[in-house]
Amino acid sequence: MRLILTTATLIALPFMAFADDKIEDNVKARQGFFEMLGANMAPLAGMAKGEIAYDEMLASTSAANIEALTKYTLPMHFVEGSSLKDVKNTAAKSEIWANMDDFKAKYAALGEAATGASEAVKGGQANVGPVLGKLGAACKACHDAYREKQ
């Protein structure tokens, strides 16, 4: 019996490591997504606040990148066992998995807020603020419910 348990444990170890790698890979993937989102929100925020000069090409490109990012199926990277209670280096609350439909709806709302943003920011600095406001509100709705404040 001891031999069977030892053998079963030895066989299972690589699979357990693979599961941990899968979780870590998913955490890294979603963090990469949010870094890209933030990198494209930053110029829009700077322009809206008047901290950087309005640049129509930069504003439109940043907004287009955000539009493209929101078409990505991000929720697939929120796998069971990857909340802040389970792993380090994440702010994802466990409530995500208890409310996955709402989480997905909030992500879809970000996509809706991003739709048309690349055209809406054209024409001057005054057009950036309303777009940023819609995007920011969608981000905030999800963060308030599902992201631990750091």
N, C-alpha and C. Protein backbone atom coordinates (compact mmCIF):
# COMPACT_ATOMS: atom_id res chain seq x y z
N MET A 1 0.83 -1.20 0.00
CA MET A 1 0.00 0.00 0.00
C MET A 1 0.86 1.25 0.00
N ARG A 2 1.92 1.23 0.80
CA ARG A 2 2.82 2.38 0.87
C ARG A 2 3.46 2.63 -0.49
N LEU A 3 3.82 1.56 -1.19
CA LEU A 3 4.42 1.68 -2.52
C LEU A 3 3.44 2.33 -3.50
N ILE A 4 2.18 1.95 -3.41
CA ILE A 4 1.17 2.52 -4.30
C ILE A 4 1.02 4.01 -4.03
N LEU A 5 0.94 4.40 -2.77
CA LEU A 5 0.81 5.82 -2.42
C LEU A 5 2.04 6.62 -2.85
N THR A 6 3.21 6.06 -2.64
CA THR A 6 4.44 6.73 -3.05
C THR A 6 4.48 6.90 -4.55
N THR A 7 4.13 5.85 -5.28
CA THR A 7 4.13 5.91 -6.74
C THR A 7 3.11 6.94 -7.23
N ALA A 8 1.92 6.92 -6.66
CA ALA A 8 0.89 7.87 -7.05
C ALA A 8 1.34 9.31 -6.79
N THR A 9 1.99 9.53 -5.66
CA THR A 9 2.49 10.87 -5.33
C THR A 9 3.55 11.31 -6.33
N LEU A 10 4.46 10.42 -6.65
CA LEU A 10 5.53 10.76 -7.60
C LEU A 10 4.97 11.05 -8.99
N ILE A 11 3.95 10.31 -9.37
CA ILE A 11 3.33 10.55 -10.67
C ILE A 11 2.59 11.89 -10.66
N ALA A 12 1.96 12.24 -9.56
CA ALA A 12 1.16 13.46 -9.48
C ALA A 12 2.00 14.73 -9.37
N LEU A 13 3.20 14.65 -8.85
CA LEU A 13 4.02 15.85 -8.62
C LEU A 13 4.21 16.71 -9.87
N PRO A 14 4.59 16.15 -11.01
CA PRO A 14 4.76 17.01 -12.19
C PRO A 14 3.46 17.70 -12.60
N PHE A 15 2.34 17.01 -12.42
CA PHE A 15 1.06 17.61 -12.78
C PHE A 15 0.69 18.74 -11.83
N MET A 16 1.02 18.59 -10.56
CA MET A 16 0.77 19.67 -9.60
C MET A 16 1.63 20.88 -9.94
N ALA A 17 2.87 20.65 -10.33
CA ALA A 17 3.74 21.76 -10.73
C ALA A 17 3.20 22.42 -11.98
N PHE A 18 2.69 21.62 -12.92
CA PHE A 18 2.10 22.17 -14.13
C PHE A 18 0.91 23.05 -13.79
N ALA A 19 0.08 22.61 -12.85
CA ALA A 19 -1.08 23.40 -12.45
C ALA A 19 -0.64 24.73 -11.86
N ASP A 20 0.41 24.71 -11.02
CA ASP A 20 0.94 25.96 -10.46
C ASP A 20 1.47 26.86 -11.56
N ASP A 21 2.18 26.28 -12.54
CA ASP A 21 2.69 27.06 -13.67
C ASP A 21 1.54 27.67 -14.45
N LYS A 22 0.48 26.91 -14.65
CA LYS A 22 -0.67 27.40 -15.39
C LYS A 22 -1.28 28.61 -14.68
N ILE A 23 -1.42 28.51 -13.38
CA ILE A 23 -1.97 29.63 -12.61
C ILE A 23 -1.06 30.84 -12.74
N GLU A 24 0.23 30.65 -12.53
CA GLU A 24 1.18 31.76 -12.62
C GLU A 24 1.19 32.37 -14.02
N ASP A 25 1.11 31.53 -15.05
CA ASP A 25 1.08 32.03 -16.43
C ASP A 25 -0.16 32.88 -16.67
N ASN A 26 -1.29 32.46 -16.12
CA ASN A 26 -2.52 33.24 -16.27
C ASN A 26 -2.45 34.56 -15.53
N VAL A 27 -1.87 34.56 -14.34
CA VAL A 27 -1.70 35.81 -13.59
C VAL A 27 -0.80 36.75 -14.38
N LYS A 28 0.30 36.24 -14.92
CA LYS A 28 1.21 37.07 -15.71
C LYS A 28 0.51 37.60 -16.96
N ALA A 29 -0.30 36.78 -17.60
CA ALA A 29 -1.00 37.21 -18.82
C ALA A 29 -1.95 38.36 -18.52
N ARG A 30 -2.72 38.23 -17.46
CA ARG A 30 -3.66 39.32 -17.17
C ARG A 30 -2.94 40.57 -16.69
N GLN A 31 -1.84 40.41 -15.98
CA GLN A 31 -1.07 41.59 -15.57
C GLN A 31 -0.47 42.28 -16.79
N GLY A 32 -0.01 41.50 -17.76
CA GLY A 32 0.49 42.08 -19.00
C GLY A 32 -0.59 42.85 -19.73
N PHE A 33 -1.80 42.31 -19.74
CA PHE A 33 -2.93 42.99 -20.35
C PHE A 33 -3.14 44.35 -19.69
N PHE A 34 -3.17 44.36 -18.36
CA PHE A 34 -3.42 45.61 -17.65
C PHE A 34 -2.28 46.61 -17.81
N GLU A 35 -1.06 46.13 -17.95
CA GLU A 35 0.07 47.03 -18.23
C GLU A 35 -0.11 47.69 -19.59
N MET A 36 -0.53 46.91 -20.58
CA MET A 36 -0.78 47.48 -21.91
C MET A 36 -1.94 48.48 -21.87
N LEU A 37 -2.98 48.14 -21.13
CA LEU A 37 -4.11 49.04 -21.00
C LEU A 37 -3.67 50.35 -20.36
N GLY A 38 -2.91 50.24 -19.28
CA GLY A 38 -2.41 51.43 -18.59
C GLY A 38 -1.48 52.27 -19.44
N ALA A 39 -0.64 51.61 -20.22
CA ALA A 39 0.30 52.33 -21.09
C ALA A 39 -0.44 53.13 -22.15
N ASN A 40 -1.61 52.69 -22.53
CA ASN A 40 -2.40 53.41 -23.52
C ASN A 40 -3.36 54.41 -22.89
N MET A 41 -3.73 54.19 -21.64
CA MET A 41 -4.56 55.17 -20.93
C MET A 41 -3.74 56.39 -20.53
N ALA A 42 -2.46 56.19 -20.23
CA ALA A 42 -1.61 57.27 -19.72
C ALA A 42 -1.56 58.48 -20.65
N PRO A 43 -1.31 58.32 -21.96
CA PRO A 43 -1.29 59.51 -22.81
C PRO A 43 -2.65 60.22 -22.86
N LEU A 44 -3.72 59.43 -22.84
CA LEU A 44 -5.05 60.05 -22.85
C LEU A 44 -5.28 60.85 -21.57
N ALA A 45 -4.88 60.29 -20.44
CA ALA A 45 -5.02 61.01 -19.17
C ALA A 45 -4.18 62.27 -19.17
N GLY A 46 -2.96 62.17 -19.67
CA GLY A 46 -2.08 63.34 -19.73
C GLY A 46 -2.66 64.45 -20.59
N MET A 47 -3.24 64.07 -21.73
CA MET A 47 -3.85 65.08 -22.61
C MET A 47 -5.10 65.67 -21.97
N ALA A 48 -5.92 64.83 -21.37
CA ALA A 48 -7.17 65.31 -20.77
C ALA A 48 -6.88 66.30 -19.64
N LYS A 49 -5.81 66.07 -18.90
CA LYS A 49 -5.44 66.95 -17.78
C LYS A 49 -4.60 68.14 -18.23
N GLY A 50 -4.20 68.17 -19.49
CA GLY A 50 -3.36 69.25 -19.98
C GLY A 50 -1.91 69.11 -19.57
N GLU A 51 -1.53 67.93 -19.10
CA GLU A 51 -0.14 67.69 -18.69
C GLU A 51 0.77 67.45 -19.88
N ILE A 52 0.20 66.97 -20.96
CA ILE A 52 0.95 66.84 -22.21
C ILE A 52 0.11 67.46 -23.32
N ALA A 53 0.78 67.94 -24.33
CA ALA A 53 0.09 68.60 -25.44
C ALA A 53 -0.79 67.61 -26.19
N TYR A 54 -1.93 68.09 -26.64
CA TYR A 54 -2.82 67.25 -27.44
C TYR A 54 -2.11 66.85 -28.71
N ASP A 55 -2.14 65.58 -29.01
CA ASP A 55 -1.54 65.02 -30.22
C ASP A 55 -2.58 64.05 -30.78
N GLU A 56 -3.24 64.46 -31.85
CA GLU A 56 -4.34 63.67 -32.38
C GLU A 56 -3.92 62.25 -32.76
N MET A 57 -2.75 62.12 -33.36
CA MET A 57 -2.28 60.79 -33.75
C MET A 57 -2.06 59.90 -32.52
N LEU A 58 -1.41 60.44 -31.51
CA LEU A 58 -1.16 59.68 -30.29
C LEU A 58 -2.47 59.34 -29.58
N ALA A 59 -3.37 60.30 -29.51
CA ALA A 59 -4.66 60.05 -28.85
C ALA A 59 -5.44 58.98 -29.58
N SER A 60 -5.51 59.08 -30.89
CA SER A 60 -6.26 58.12 -31.67
C SER A 60 -5.63 56.73 -31.63
N THR A 61 -4.31 56.68 -31.71
CA THR A 61 -3.62 55.39 -31.65
C THR A 61 -3.80 54.74 -30.29
N SER A 62 -3.65 55.52 -29.23
CA SER A 62 -3.83 54.98 -27.88
C SER A 62 -5.25 54.45 -27.70
N ALA A 63 -6.22 55.22 -28.15
CA ALA A 63 -7.62 54.79 -28.03
C ALA A 63 -7.89 53.55 -28.89
N ALA A 64 -7.30 53.50 -30.08
CA ALA A 64 -7.47 52.32 -30.93
C ALA A 64 -6.85 51.08 -30.28
N ASN A 65 -5.72 51.27 -29.63
CA ASN A 65 -5.11 50.15 -28.92
C ASN A 65 -6.01 49.65 -27.79
N ILE A 66 -6.63 50.58 -27.10
CA ILE A 66 -7.55 50.20 -26.02
C ILE A 66 -8.75 49.45 -26.60
N GLU A 67 -9.27 49.96 -27.71
CA GLU A 67 -10.37 49.26 -28.38
C GLU A 67 -9.97 47.82 -28.71
N ALA A 68 -8.78 47.66 -29.27
CA ALA A 68 -8.30 46.32 -29.64
C ALA A 68 -8.11 45.44 -28.40
N LEU A 69 -7.54 46.00 -27.36
CA LEU A 69 -7.32 45.22 -26.14
C LEU A 69 -8.63 44.70 -25.56
N THR A 70 -9.67 45.50 -25.62
CA THR A 70 -10.93 45.08 -25.00
C THR A 70 -11.65 44.00 -25.80
N LYS A 71 -11.15 43.69 -26.97
CA LYS A 71 -11.71 42.59 -27.75
C LYS A 71 -11.08 41.25 -27.35
N TYR A 72 -10.01 41.33 -26.57
CA TYR A 72 -9.33 40.13 -26.09
C TYR A 72 -10.18 39.47 -24.99
N THR A 73 -10.19 38.17 -24.96
CA THR A 73 -10.98 37.43 -23.98
C THR A 73 -10.22 37.33 -22.66
N LEU A 74 -10.10 38.42 -21.98
CA LEU A 74 -9.35 38.48 -20.72
C LEU A 74 -9.90 37.56 -19.63
N PRO A 75 -11.21 37.43 -19.45
CA PRO A 75 -11.69 36.60 -18.34
C PRO A 75 -11.16 35.16 -18.34
N MET A 76 -10.72 34.66 -19.48
CA MET A 76 -10.19 33.29 -19.51
C MET A 76 -8.93 33.15 -18.65
N HIS A 77 -8.27 34.26 -18.35
CA HIS A 77 -7.07 34.23 -17.53
C HIS A 77 -7.36 34.33 -16.03
N PHE A 78 -8.62 34.45 -15.68
CA PHE A 78 -9.01 34.46 -14.28
C PHE A 78 -9.45 33.04 -13.90
N VAL A 79 -8.46 32.17 -13.77
CA VAL A 79 -8.71 30.76 -13.47
C VAL A 79 -8.85 30.56 -11.96
N GLU A 80 -9.61 29.55 -11.59
CA GLU A 80 -9.76 29.20 -10.17
C GLU A 80 -8.38 29.04 -9.54
N GLY A 81 -8.25 29.52 -8.33
CA GLY A 81 -6.99 29.38 -7.61
C GLY A 81 -5.99 30.49 -7.90
N SER A 82 -6.45 31.59 -8.53
CA SER A 82 -5.52 32.67 -8.85
C SER A 82 -5.92 34.00 -8.22
N SER A 83 -6.65 33.94 -7.12
CA SER A 83 -7.01 35.17 -6.41
C SER A 83 -5.88 35.56 -5.46
N LEU A 84 -6.02 36.73 -4.86
CA LEU A 84 -4.99 37.19 -3.92
C LEU A 84 -4.92 36.30 -2.68
N LYS A 85 -5.94 35.51 -2.43
CA LYS A 85 -5.90 34.56 -1.31
C LYS A 85 -5.07 33.32 -1.66
N ASP A 86 -4.87 33.11 -2.97
CA ASP A 86 -4.20 31.89 -3.43
C ASP A 86 -2.76 32.10 -3.87
N VAL A 87 -2.48 33.25 -4.47
CA VAL A 87 -1.14 33.49 -5.03
C VAL A 87 -0.66 34.89 -4.67
N LYS A 88 0.63 35.09 -4.79
CA LYS A 88 1.22 36.41 -4.56
C LYS A 88 1.11 37.23 -5.84
N ASN A 89 1.36 38.51 -5.71
CA ASN A 89 1.46 39.41 -6.86
C ASN A 89 0.18 39.52 -7.67
N THR A 90 -0.95 39.51 -7.00
CA THR A 90 -2.21 39.77 -7.68
C THR A 90 -3.10 40.57 -6.73
N ALA A 91 -3.99 41.33 -7.30
CA ALA A 91 -4.96 42.09 -6.50
C ALA A 91 -6.37 41.57 -6.76
N ALA A 92 -6.48 40.45 -7.47
CA ALA A 92 -7.78 39.89 -7.83
C ALA A 92 -8.47 39.29 -6.60
N LYS A 93 -9.62 39.86 -6.26
CA LYS A 93 -10.39 39.36 -5.12
C LYS A 93 -11.07 38.04 -5.48
N SER A 94 -11.30 37.22 -4.48
CA SER A 94 -11.97 35.93 -4.70
C SER A 94 -13.42 36.11 -5.14
N GLU A 95 -13.98 37.29 -4.94
CA GLU A 95 -15.35 37.56 -5.36
C GLU A 95 -15.53 37.41 -6.87
N ILE A 96 -14.46 37.52 -7.63
CA ILE A 96 -14.55 37.34 -9.09
C ILE A 96 -15.18 36.00 -9.40
N TRP A 97 -14.70 34.94 -8.76
CA TRP A 97 -15.15 33.59 -9.08
C TRP A 97 -16.53 33.30 -8.54
N ALA A 98 -16.94 34.01 -7.51
CA ALA A 98 -18.29 33.86 -6.98
C ALA A 98 -19.31 34.62 -7.84
N ASN A 99 -18.82 35.59 -8.63
CA ASN A 99 -19.69 36.45 -9.44
C ASN A 99 -19.15 36.56 -10.87
N MET A 100 -18.76 35.45 -11.46
CA MET A 100 -18.10 35.49 -12.77
C MET A 100 -18.96 36.16 -13.84
N ASP A 101 -20.27 35.94 -13.83
CA ASP A 101 -21.12 36.58 -14.83
C ASP A 101 -21.06 38.11 -14.72
N ASP A 102 -21.10 38.62 -13.50
CA ASP A 102 -21.00 40.06 -13.29
C ASP A 102 -19.62 40.57 -13.69
N PHE A 103 -18.59 39.81 -13.36
CA PHE A 103 -17.22 40.18 -13.73
C PHE A 103 -17.11 40.30 -15.26
N LYS A 104 -17.64 39.32 -15.96
CA LYS A 104 -17.61 39.34 -17.43
C LYS A 104 -18.43 40.51 -17.97
N ALA A 105 -19.54 40.81 -17.34
CA ALA A 105 -20.37 41.94 -17.77
C ALA A 105 -19.63 43.26 -17.59
N LYS A 106 -18.89 43.38 -16.51
CA LYS A 106 -18.12 44.60 -16.28
C LYS A 106 -17.00 44.72 -17.32
N TYR A 107 -16.39 43.61 -17.68
CA TYR A 107 -15.36 43.64 -18.72
C TYR A 107 -15.99 44.00 -20.07
N ALA A 108 -17.18 43.47 -20.34
CA ALA A 108 -17.88 43.82 -21.57
C ALA A 108 -18.22 45.31 -21.60
N ALA A 109 -18.54 45.88 -20.45
CA ALA A 109 -18.84 47.31 -20.37
C ALA A 109 -17.60 48.14 -20.72
N LEU A 110 -16.42 47.65 -20.37
CA LEU A 110 -15.19 48.34 -20.78
C LEU A 110 -15.09 48.33 -22.30
N GLY A 111 -15.40 47.21 -22.91
CA GLY A 111 -15.39 47.13 -24.37
C GLY A 111 -16.37 48.10 -25.00
N GLU A 112 -17.55 48.22 -24.41
CA GLU A 112 -18.55 49.16 -24.91
C GLU A 112 -18.04 50.60 -24.77
N ALA A 113 -17.40 50.90 -23.65
CA ALA A 113 -16.86 52.25 -23.44
C ALA A 113 -15.75 52.56 -24.44
N ALA A 114 -15.02 51.54 -24.84
CA ALA A 114 -13.90 51.74 -25.77
C ALA A 114 -14.35 51.84 -27.22
N THR A 115 -15.52 51.31 -27.52
CA THR A 115 -16.00 51.31 -28.91
C THR A 115 -16.11 52.73 -29.44
N GLY A 116 -15.44 52.97 -30.55
CA GLY A 116 -15.47 54.29 -31.18
C GLY A 116 -14.53 55.31 -30.57
N ALA A 117 -13.79 54.93 -29.56
CA ALA A 117 -12.91 55.88 -28.86
C ALA A 117 -11.85 56.48 -29.77
N SER A 118 -11.33 55.70 -30.70
CA SER A 118 -10.26 56.21 -31.56
C SER A 118 -10.73 57.35 -32.45
N GLU A 119 -11.99 57.37 -32.79
CA GLU A 119 -12.55 58.48 -33.57
C GLU A 119 -13.00 59.61 -32.65
N ALA A 120 -13.53 59.25 -31.50
CA ALA A 120 -14.08 60.25 -30.58
C ALA A 120 -13.02 61.20 -30.03
N VAL A 121 -11.76 60.74 -29.93
CA VAL A 121 -10.71 61.60 -29.37
C VAL A 121 -10.14 62.58 -30.39
N LYS A 122 -10.54 62.44 -31.63
CA LYS A 122 -10.02 63.34 -32.68
C LYS A 122 -10.68 64.71 -32.58
N GLY A 123 -9.97 65.72 -33.04
CA GLY A 123 -10.55 67.05 -33.14
C GLY A 123 -10.16 68.02 -32.05
N GLY A 124 -9.41 67.59 -31.06
CA GLY A 124 -8.95 68.51 -30.04
C GLY A 124 -8.96 67.92 -28.65
N GLN A 125 -8.24 68.57 -27.77
CA GLN A 125 -8.08 68.12 -26.39
C GLN A 125 -9.42 67.96 -25.69
N ALA A 126 -10.37 68.82 -25.98
CA ALA A 126 -11.67 68.77 -25.32
C ALA A 126 -12.40 67.45 -25.55
N ASN A 127 -12.04 66.75 -26.60
CA ASN A 127 -12.69 65.48 -26.91
C ASN A 127 -12.11 64.29 -26.15
N VAL A 128 -10.95 64.46 -25.56
CA VAL A 128 -10.28 63.36 -24.87
C VAL A 128 -10.93 63.08 -23.51
N GLY A 129 -11.25 64.12 -22.78
CA GLY A 129 -11.81 63.97 -21.44
C GLY A 129 -13.05 63.09 -21.37
N PRO A 130 -14.05 63.33 -22.22
CA PRO A 130 -15.25 62.49 -22.16
C PRO A 130 -14.96 61.01 -22.45
N VAL A 131 -14.06 60.75 -23.37
CA VAL A 131 -13.68 59.36 -23.68
C VAL A 131 -12.99 58.74 -22.47
N LEU A 132 -12.05 59.48 -21.91
CA LEU A 132 -11.34 59.00 -20.73
C LEU A 132 -12.31 58.77 -19.57
N GLY A 133 -13.28 59.64 -19.43
CA GLY A 133 -14.28 59.48 -18.37
C GLY A 133 -15.07 58.19 -18.51
N LYS A 134 -15.48 57.86 -19.73
CA LYS A 134 -16.22 56.61 -19.96
C LYS A 134 -15.34 55.40 -19.66
N LEU A 135 -14.11 55.45 -20.14
CA LEU A 135 -13.18 54.34 -19.90
C LEU A 135 -12.89 54.19 -18.41
N GLY A 136 -12.61 55.31 -17.78
CA GLY A 136 -12.30 55.29 -16.35
C GLY A 136 -13.46 54.78 -15.50
N ALA A 137 -14.68 55.16 -15.87
CA ALA A 137 -15.85 54.69 -15.12
C ALA A 137 -16.00 53.17 -15.24
N ALA A 138 -15.74 52.65 -16.43
CA ALA A 138 -15.82 51.20 -16.63
C ALA A 138 -14.74 50.48 -15.83
N CYS A 139 -13.53 51.04 -15.83
CA CYS A 139 -12.44 50.45 -15.05
C CYS A 139 -12.79 50.47 -13.56
N LYS A 140 -13.27 51.62 -13.10
CA LYS A 140 -13.59 51.79 -11.68
C LYS A 140 -14.67 50.82 -11.21
N ALA A 141 -15.68 50.60 -12.04
CA ALA A 141 -16.77 49.70 -11.65
C ALA A 141 -16.24 48.30 -11.35
N CYS A 142 -15.32 47.85 -12.16
CA CYS A 142 -14.74 46.53 -11.94
C CYS A 142 -13.76 46.54 -10.76
N HIS A 143 -12.92 47.55 -10.72
CA HIS A 143 -11.93 47.64 -9.63
C HIS A 143 -12.60 47.72 -8.26
N ASP A 144 -13.66 48.51 -8.17
CA ASP A 144 -14.35 48.66 -6.89
C ASP A 144 -14.88 47.32 -6.37
N ALA A 145 -15.33 46.49 -7.28
CA ALA A 145 -15.92 45.21 -6.87
C ALA A 145 -14.90 44.08 -6.76
N TYR A 146 -13.89 44.09 -7.63
CA TYR A 146 -13.07 42.89 -7.79
C TYR A 146 -11.56 43.07 -7.64
N ARG A 147 -11.11 44.25 -7.32
CA ARG A 147 -9.67 44.47 -7.17
C ARG A 147 -9.38 44.99 -5.76
N GLU A 148 -8.46 44.34 -5.10
CA GLU A 148 -8.04 44.79 -3.76
C GLU A 148 -7.22 46.06 -3.91
N LYS A 149 -7.54 47.06 -3.11
CA LYS A 149 -6.76 48.30 -3.14
C LYS A 149 -5.38 48.04 -2.59
N GLN A 150 -4.39 48.62 -3.24
CA GLN A 150 -3.00 48.40 -2.82
C GLN A 150 -2.38 49.68 -2.37
